[in-house]
N, C-alpha and C. Protein backbone atom coordinates (compact mmCIF):
# COMPACT_ATOMS: atom_id res chain seq x y z
N LEU A 1 94.37 125.59 79.84
CA LEU A 1 94.86 124.60 80.79
C LEU A 1 94.58 123.17 80.35
N GLN A 2 93.76 123.00 79.34
CA GLN A 2 93.43 121.65 78.88
C GLN A 2 94.65 120.92 78.33
N ASP A 3 95.64 121.68 77.86
CA ASP A 3 96.82 121.06 77.27
C ASP A 3 97.91 120.75 78.28
N ILE A 4 97.69 121.09 79.54
CA ILE A 4 98.69 120.85 80.58
C ILE A 4 98.36 119.55 81.30
N PRO A 5 99.28 118.58 81.30
CA PRO A 5 99.02 117.33 82.02
C PRO A 5 99.01 117.56 83.53
N ILE A 6 98.09 116.90 84.20
CA ILE A 6 97.97 117.01 85.65
C ILE A 6 98.23 115.65 86.27
N ALA A 7 99.24 115.58 87.14
CA ALA A 7 99.57 114.36 87.86
C ALA A 7 99.31 114.61 89.34
N VAL A 8 98.54 113.74 89.96
CA VAL A 8 98.19 113.87 91.38
C VAL A 8 99.12 112.99 92.21
N LEU A 9 99.74 113.60 93.21
CA LEU A 9 100.56 112.88 94.18
C LEU A 9 99.79 112.87 95.49
N THR A 10 99.49 111.70 96.01
CA THR A 10 98.64 111.59 97.18
C THR A 10 99.09 110.44 98.08
N THR A 11 98.63 110.45 99.30
CA THR A 11 98.91 109.35 100.22
C THR A 11 97.84 108.27 100.11
N SER A 12 96.77 108.57 99.40
CA SER A 12 95.65 107.63 99.28
C SER A 12 95.92 106.58 98.21
N ARG A 13 95.47 105.38 98.47
CA ARG A 13 95.51 104.31 97.48
C ARG A 13 94.10 103.78 97.21
N GLU A 14 93.11 104.56 97.63
CA GLU A 14 91.71 104.17 97.46
C GLU A 14 91.25 104.37 96.02
N LYS A 15 90.52 103.39 95.51
CA LYS A 15 90.02 103.46 94.14
C LYS A 15 89.08 104.66 93.96
N ASP A 16 88.26 104.96 94.97
CA ASP A 16 87.35 106.10 94.89
C ASP A 16 88.11 107.41 94.71
N ASP A 17 89.24 107.55 95.39
CA ASP A 17 90.04 108.77 95.25
C ASP A 17 90.64 108.87 93.86
N PHE A 18 91.05 107.74 93.31
CA PHE A 18 91.57 107.71 91.94
C PHE A 18 90.48 108.18 90.97
N ILE A 19 89.28 107.67 91.15
CA ILE A 19 88.16 108.04 90.28
C ILE A 19 87.86 109.53 90.41
N LYS A 20 87.85 110.04 91.64
CA LYS A 20 87.58 111.47 91.85
C LYS A 20 88.64 112.34 91.17
N CYS A 21 89.88 111.92 91.23
CA CYS A 21 90.96 112.67 90.58
C CYS A 21 90.76 112.70 89.07
N ARG A 22 90.40 111.57 88.49
CA ARG A 22 90.16 111.50 87.05
C ARG A 22 88.97 112.38 86.66
N GLU A 23 87.92 112.33 87.47
CA GLU A 23 86.74 113.15 87.20
C GLU A 23 87.06 114.64 87.31
N ALA A 24 88.01 114.99 88.16
CA ALA A 24 88.41 116.38 88.34
C ALA A 24 89.36 116.86 87.25
N GLY A 25 89.80 115.94 86.38
CA GLY A 25 90.64 116.33 85.26
C GLY A 25 92.08 115.87 85.32
N ALA A 26 92.43 115.08 86.32
CA ALA A 26 93.80 114.59 86.41
C ALA A 26 94.08 113.55 85.32
N ASN A 27 95.29 113.57 84.81
CA ASN A 27 95.70 112.61 83.79
C ASN A 27 96.43 111.42 84.38
N SER A 28 97.08 111.62 85.51
CA SER A 28 97.86 110.57 86.16
C SER A 28 97.70 110.67 87.66
N PHE A 29 97.99 109.56 88.32
CA PHE A 29 97.77 109.44 89.76
C PHE A 29 98.89 108.58 90.32
N ILE A 30 99.56 109.04 91.35
CA ILE A 30 100.62 108.26 91.98
C ILE A 30 100.50 108.41 93.49
N SER A 31 100.67 107.29 94.20
CA SER A 31 100.54 107.29 95.66
C SER A 31 101.90 107.33 96.33
N LYS A 32 101.96 108.07 97.44
CA LYS A 32 103.18 108.11 98.25
C LYS A 32 103.15 106.94 99.22
N PRO A 33 104.23 106.39 99.60
CA PRO A 33 105.55 106.70 99.06
C PRO A 33 105.73 106.06 97.68
N ALA A 34 106.26 106.81 96.77
CA ALA A 34 106.48 106.32 95.42
C ALA A 34 107.97 106.05 95.23
N SER A 35 108.25 104.94 94.59
CA SER A 35 109.65 104.60 94.33
C SER A 35 110.16 105.41 93.14
N PHE A 36 111.45 105.44 92.97
CA PHE A 36 112.05 106.15 91.85
C PHE A 36 111.55 105.58 90.53
N SER A 37 111.44 104.26 90.45
CA SER A 37 110.97 103.64 89.20
C SER A 37 109.52 104.02 88.90
N GLU A 38 108.70 104.20 89.93
CA GLU A 38 107.32 104.65 89.71
C GLU A 38 107.29 106.07 89.15
N TRP A 39 108.19 106.94 89.65
CA TRP A 39 108.29 108.30 89.13
C TRP A 39 108.71 108.29 87.67
N ILE A 40 109.68 107.47 87.34
CA ILE A 40 110.16 107.38 85.95
C ILE A 40 109.02 106.91 85.05
N LYS A 41 108.29 105.90 85.49
CA LYS A 41 107.16 105.39 84.71
C LYS A 41 106.12 106.48 84.48
N LEU A 42 105.82 107.25 85.51
CA LEU A 42 104.86 108.35 85.39
C LEU A 42 105.36 109.40 84.41
N MET A 43 106.61 109.80 84.53
CA MET A 43 107.16 110.82 83.64
C MET A 43 107.19 110.35 82.19
N ARG A 44 107.53 109.10 81.97
CA ARG A 44 107.53 108.56 80.60
C ARG A 44 106.12 108.53 80.03
N SER A 45 105.17 108.15 80.86
CA SER A 45 103.78 108.13 80.42
C SER A 45 103.31 109.52 80.02
N LEU A 46 103.63 110.50 80.84
CA LEU A 46 103.24 111.88 80.51
C LEU A 46 103.95 112.36 79.25
N ALA A 47 105.22 112.05 79.13
CA ALA A 47 105.98 112.48 77.96
C ALA A 47 105.44 111.82 76.69
N ASP A 48 105.15 110.54 76.75
CA ASP A 48 104.63 109.83 75.58
C ASP A 48 103.28 110.38 75.14
N THR A 49 102.49 110.82 76.09
CA THR A 49 101.15 111.30 75.79
C THR A 49 101.12 112.78 75.43
N TRP A 50 101.95 113.58 76.09
CA TRP A 50 101.80 115.03 76.01
C TRP A 50 102.90 115.76 75.26
N LEU A 51 104.03 115.15 75.05
CA LEU A 51 105.13 115.86 74.40
C LEU A 51 105.31 115.39 72.97
N VAL A 52 105.48 116.32 72.08
CA VAL A 52 105.73 116.00 70.68
C VAL A 52 107.23 115.80 70.52
N THR A 53 107.62 114.63 70.04
CA THR A 53 109.04 114.35 69.89
C THR A 53 109.46 114.25 68.42
N GLU A 54 108.47 114.28 67.51
CA GLU A 54 108.77 114.23 66.08
C GLU A 54 108.09 115.40 65.38
N TYR A 55 108.68 115.82 64.29
CA TYR A 55 108.10 116.92 63.51
C TYR A 55 107.46 116.40 62.27
């Protein structure tokens, strides 16, 4: 499971909750309501970090 990116979707915008998510192993954190552009930014970030696009 270490190779699987974890993105947390939450209603919280508290810094402590962000820290707890990171400590629990989350790679990304996004608060609801999230705009479409925020989703795109999150997906690009995960793709850039976790997906191999070159051989």
